[in-house]
């Protein structure tokens, strides 16, 4: 109910915010160029895969062999290192 009320309270602001977003994208396209925007989008897309991997891991913890906690902790360390490596490359 709170979420619905909040959304309905902000519906009148949608056209103003959308227009501001369009102007921001056009300004970025002008300063970076289309190739720069495409490079930005392509470089940011691996982050979505990382989020999906974290969710898949959390759903698979019950399927791990014993000791689950130790294996899950080690896996989280590997995932954190991988995410840090990916983010540092961006």
N, C-alpha and C. Protein backbone atom coordinates (compact mmCIF):
# COMPACT_ATOMS: atom_id res chain seq x y z
N UNK A 1 0.82 -1.18 0.00
CA UNK A 1 0.00 0.00 0.00
C UNK A 1 0.88 1.26 0.00
N UNK A 2 1.95 1.23 0.79
CA UNK A 2 2.85 2.39 0.82
C UNK A 2 3.53 2.59 -0.53
N UNK A 3 3.92 1.48 -1.14
CA UNK A 3 4.59 1.57 -2.44
C UNK A 3 3.64 2.17 -3.47
N UNK A 4 2.41 1.71 -3.49
CA UNK A 4 1.43 2.24 -4.43
C UNK A 4 1.20 3.72 -4.19
N UNK A 5 1.05 4.11 -2.93
CA UNK A 5 0.85 5.52 -2.62
C UNK A 5 2.03 6.39 -3.04
N UNK A 6 3.23 5.88 -2.82
CA UNK A 6 4.43 6.62 -3.22
C UNK A 6 4.49 6.77 -4.72
N UNK A 7 4.21 5.69 -5.44
CA UNK A 7 4.23 5.76 -6.90
C UNK A 7 3.19 6.74 -7.42
N UNK A 8 1.99 6.69 -6.87
CA UNK A 8 0.93 7.60 -7.32
C UNK A 8 1.26 9.05 -6.98
N UNK A 9 1.97 9.28 -5.88
CA UNK A 9 2.33 10.65 -5.51
C UNK A 9 3.35 11.25 -6.48
N UNK A 10 4.15 10.40 -7.12
CA UNK A 10 5.20 10.89 -8.01
C UNK A 10 4.84 10.81 -9.49
N UNK A 11 3.68 10.31 -9.82
CA UNK A 11 3.28 10.21 -11.23
C UNK A 11 3.27 11.58 -11.92
N UNK A 12 2.81 12.66 -11.29
CA UNK A 12 2.83 13.96 -11.99
C UNK A 12 4.24 14.44 -12.36
N UNK A 13 5.27 13.96 -11.68
CA UNK A 13 6.64 14.39 -11.97
C UNK A 13 7.29 13.62 -13.11
N UNK A 14 6.67 12.55 -13.58
CA UNK A 14 7.29 11.69 -14.60
C UNK A 14 7.65 12.46 -15.88
N UNK A 15 6.77 13.28 -16.46
CA UNK A 15 7.16 13.98 -17.69
C UNK A 15 8.36 14.91 -17.51
N UNK A 16 8.42 15.60 -16.38
CA UNK A 16 9.54 16.52 -16.12
C UNK A 16 10.85 15.74 -15.97
N UNK A 17 10.82 14.64 -15.24
CA UNK A 17 12.02 13.84 -15.04
C UNK A 17 12.46 13.19 -16.35
N UNK A 18 11.50 12.70 -17.13
CA UNK A 18 11.83 12.07 -18.41
C UNK A 18 12.46 13.09 -19.37
N UNK A 19 11.93 14.31 -19.38
CA UNK A 19 12.51 15.34 -20.25
C UNK A 19 13.93 15.67 -19.82
N UNK A 20 14.17 15.74 -18.52
CA UNK A 20 15.52 16.00 -18.02
C UNK A 20 16.48 14.88 -18.38
N UNK A 21 16.01 13.65 -18.33
CA UNK A 21 16.85 12.52 -18.71
C UNK A 21 17.21 12.54 -20.17
N UNK A 22 16.25 12.91 -21.00
CA UNK A 22 16.50 13.00 -22.44
C UNK A 22 17.54 14.08 -22.73
N UNK A 23 17.43 15.22 -22.06
CA UNK A 23 18.40 16.29 -22.26
C UNK A 23 19.79 15.86 -21.80
N UNK A 24 19.85 15.11 -20.70
CA UNK A 24 21.14 14.63 -20.21
C UNK A 24 21.81 13.68 -21.18
N UNK A 25 21.02 12.79 -21.77
CA UNK A 25 21.58 11.84 -22.75
C UNK A 25 22.05 12.58 -23.99
N UNK A 26 21.26 13.55 -24.44
CA UNK A 26 21.66 14.31 -25.62
C UNK A 26 22.95 15.09 -25.36
N UNK A 27 23.08 15.65 -24.15
CA UNK A 27 24.30 16.37 -23.79
C UNK A 27 25.50 15.43 -23.74
N UNK A 28 25.29 14.23 -23.22
CA UNK A 28 26.38 13.26 -23.17
C UNK A 28 26.77 12.81 -24.56
N UNK A 29 25.77 12.61 -25.41
CA UNK A 29 26.07 12.19 -26.78
C UNK A 29 26.85 13.28 -27.51
N UNK A 30 26.54 14.52 -27.20
CA UNK A 30 27.25 15.62 -27.86
C UNK A 30 28.70 15.70 -27.39
N UNK A 31 28.93 15.52 -26.08
CA UNK A 31 30.30 15.65 -25.57
C UNK A 31 31.13 14.38 -25.78
N UNK A 32 30.53 13.21 -25.64
CA UNK A 32 31.27 11.95 -25.80
C UNK A 32 31.24 11.43 -27.23
N UNK A 33 30.19 11.74 -27.91
CA UNK A 33 29.99 11.15 -29.22
C UNK A 33 29.25 9.83 -29.08
N UNK A 34 28.68 9.38 -30.16
CA UNK A 34 27.91 8.13 -30.14
C UNK A 34 28.83 6.96 -29.80
N UNK A 35 30.05 6.97 -30.33
CA UNK A 35 30.99 5.87 -30.05
C UNK A 35 31.33 5.83 -28.56
N UNK A 36 31.47 6.99 -27.94
CA UNK A 36 31.75 7.04 -26.50
C UNK A 36 30.62 6.48 -25.67
N UNK A 37 29.37 6.81 -26.05
CA UNK A 37 28.22 6.26 -25.34
C UNK A 37 28.14 4.75 -25.52
N UNK A 38 28.38 4.27 -26.73
CA UNK A 38 28.36 2.82 -26.95
C UNK A 38 29.45 2.13 -26.14
N UNK A 39 30.62 2.73 -26.07
CA UNK A 39 31.71 2.17 -25.27
C UNK A 39 31.32 2.11 -23.80
N UNK A 40 30.66 3.15 -23.31
CA UNK A 40 30.21 3.18 -21.92
C UNK A 40 29.20 2.07 -21.64
N UNK A 41 28.24 1.89 -22.54
CA UNK A 41 27.22 0.86 -22.36
C UNK A 41 27.84 -0.53 -22.40
N UNK A 42 28.74 -0.75 -23.36
CA UNK A 42 29.37 -2.07 -23.50
C UNK A 42 30.25 -2.37 -22.29
N UNK A 43 30.93 -1.38 -21.76
CA UNK A 43 31.81 -1.61 -20.61
C UNK A 43 31.02 -1.83 -19.33
N UNK A 44 29.82 -1.28 -19.22
CA UNK A 44 29.02 -1.44 -18.02
C UNK A 44 28.19 -2.71 -18.02
N UNK A 45 28.01 -3.35 -19.16
CA UNK A 45 27.12 -4.51 -19.24
C UNK A 45 27.60 -5.73 -18.47
N UNK A 46 28.89 -5.99 -18.26
CA UNK A 46 29.26 -7.17 -17.47
C UNK A 46 28.76 -7.11 -16.02
N UNK A 47 28.46 -5.94 -15.52
CA UNK A 47 27.95 -5.83 -14.16
C UNK A 47 26.63 -6.55 -13.97
N UNK A 48 25.78 -6.55 -14.99
CA UNK A 48 24.51 -7.28 -14.90
C UNK A 48 24.74 -8.77 -14.76
N UNK A 49 25.72 -9.29 -15.46
CA UNK A 49 26.05 -10.71 -15.33
C UNK A 49 26.58 -11.04 -13.95
N UNK A 50 27.31 -10.11 -13.36
CA UNK A 50 27.83 -10.33 -12.01
C UNK A 50 26.69 -10.41 -11.01
N UNK A 51 25.72 -9.51 -11.13
CA UNK A 51 24.56 -9.55 -10.23
C UNK A 51 23.80 -10.86 -10.38
N UNK A 52 23.65 -11.33 -11.60
CA UNK A 52 22.95 -12.58 -11.84
C UNK A 52 23.71 -13.75 -11.22
N UNK A 53 25.04 -13.71 -11.30
CA UNK A 53 25.85 -14.77 -10.70
C UNK A 53 25.72 -14.81 -9.19
N UNK A 54 25.64 -13.65 -8.55
CA UNK A 54 25.49 -13.60 -7.10
C UNK A 54 24.15 -14.20 -6.70
N UNK A 55 23.11 -13.89 -7.44
CA UNK A 55 21.79 -14.45 -7.12
C UNK A 55 21.78 -15.96 -7.33
N UNK A 56 22.39 -16.42 -8.40
CA UNK A 56 22.44 -17.86 -8.66
C UNK A 56 23.20 -18.57 -7.55
N UNK A 57 24.27 -17.97 -7.08
CA UNK A 57 25.03 -18.57 -5.98
C UNK A 57 24.18 -18.67 -4.73
N UNK A 58 23.49 -17.58 -4.37
CA UNK A 58 22.71 -17.59 -3.14
C UNK A 58 21.58 -18.62 -3.21
N UNK A 59 21.04 -18.85 -4.39
CA UNK A 59 20.00 -19.86 -4.53
C UNK A 59 20.56 -21.27 -4.46
N UNK A 60 21.85 -21.45 -4.75
CA UNK A 60 22.44 -22.78 -4.79
C UNK A 60 23.14 -23.22 -3.52
N UNK A 61 23.17 -22.38 -2.48
CA UNK A 61 23.86 -22.75 -1.24
C UNK A 61 23.30 -24.03 -0.63
N UNK A 62 21.99 -24.24 -0.60
CA UNK A 62 21.49 -25.49 -0.01
C UNK A 62 21.95 -26.75 -0.75
N UNK A 63 22.37 -26.63 -1.99
CA UNK A 63 22.80 -27.79 -2.76
C UNK A 63 24.26 -28.16 -2.52
N UNK A 64 25.00 -27.33 -1.78
CA UNK A 64 26.42 -27.57 -1.56
C UNK A 64 26.64 -28.77 -0.64
N UNK A 65 27.81 -29.41 -0.82
CA UNK A 65 28.19 -30.50 0.08
C UNK A 65 28.61 -29.91 1.42
N UNK A 66 28.63 -30.75 2.43
CA UNK A 66 29.09 -30.32 3.75
C UNK A 66 30.59 -30.08 3.71
N UNK A 67 31.13 -29.19 4.42
CA UNK A 67 30.54 -28.15 5.26
C UNK A 67 30.07 -26.97 4.41
N UNK A 68 28.79 -26.74 4.42
CA UNK A 68 28.20 -25.71 3.57
C UNK A 68 28.71 -24.31 3.88
N UNK A 69 28.82 -23.99 5.16
CA UNK A 69 29.21 -22.63 5.55
C UNK A 69 30.62 -22.32 5.06
N UNK A 70 31.54 -23.24 5.27
CA UNK A 70 32.92 -23.00 4.85
C UNK A 70 33.01 -22.87 3.33
N UNK A 71 32.29 -23.73 2.61
CA UNK A 71 32.30 -23.66 1.14
C UNK A 71 31.66 -22.36 0.65
N UNK A 72 30.57 -21.97 1.29
CA UNK A 72 29.90 -20.73 0.88
C UNK A 72 30.80 -19.52 1.14
N UNK A 73 31.49 -19.51 2.28
CA UNK A 73 32.40 -18.39 2.57
C UNK A 73 33.52 -18.31 1.54
N UNK A 74 34.09 -19.46 1.20
CA UNK A 74 35.18 -19.48 0.21
C UNK A 74 34.66 -19.01 -1.15
N UNK A 75 33.47 -19.44 -1.51
CA UNK A 75 32.89 -19.03 -2.79
C UNK A 75 32.64 -17.52 -2.82
N UNK A 76 32.17 -16.97 -1.71
CA UNK A 76 31.93 -15.52 -1.65
C UNK A 76 33.24 -14.76 -1.80
N UNK A 77 34.32 -15.26 -1.22
CA UNK A 77 35.62 -14.60 -1.38
C UNK A 77 36.03 -14.61 -2.85
N UNK A 78 35.86 -15.76 -3.52
CA UNK A 78 36.18 -15.84 -4.95
C UNK A 78 35.34 -14.86 -5.76
N UNK A 79 34.05 -14.79 -5.44
CA UNK A 79 33.16 -13.89 -6.18
C UNK A 79 33.52 -12.43 -5.92
N UNK A 80 33.89 -12.10 -4.68
CA UNK A 80 34.27 -10.72 -4.36
C UNK A 80 35.54 -10.33 -5.12
N UNK A 81 36.49 -11.24 -5.18
CA UNK A 81 37.72 -10.96 -5.94
C UNK A 81 37.42 -10.78 -7.42
N UNK A 82 36.55 -11.63 -7.94
CA UNK A 82 36.18 -11.52 -9.35
C UNK A 82 35.47 -10.20 -9.63
N UNK A 83 34.56 -9.82 -8.75
CA UNK A 83 33.84 -8.56 -8.92
C UNK A 83 34.79 -7.37 -8.82
N UNK A 84 35.73 -7.41 -7.88
CA UNK A 84 36.69 -6.32 -7.74
C UNK A 84 37.57 -6.22 -8.99
N UNK A 85 37.96 -7.36 -9.53
CA UNK A 85 38.78 -7.38 -10.74
C UNK A 85 38.00 -6.79 -11.92
N UNK A 86 36.72 -7.17 -12.03
CA UNK A 86 35.88 -6.66 -13.11
C UNK A 86 35.65 -5.16 -12.96
N UNK A 87 35.33 -4.72 -11.74
CA UNK A 87 35.07 -3.30 -11.50
C UNK A 87 36.32 -2.46 -11.72
N UNK A 88 37.48 -2.99 -11.36
CA UNK A 88 38.72 -2.25 -11.56
C UNK A 88 39.02 -2.09 -13.05
N UNK A 89 38.58 -3.04 -13.85
CA UNK A 89 38.79 -2.95 -15.29
C UNK A 89 37.90 -1.94 -15.97
N UNK A 90 36.78 -1.60 -15.33
CA UNK A 90 35.87 -0.62 -15.92
C UNK A 90 36.46 0.75 -15.74
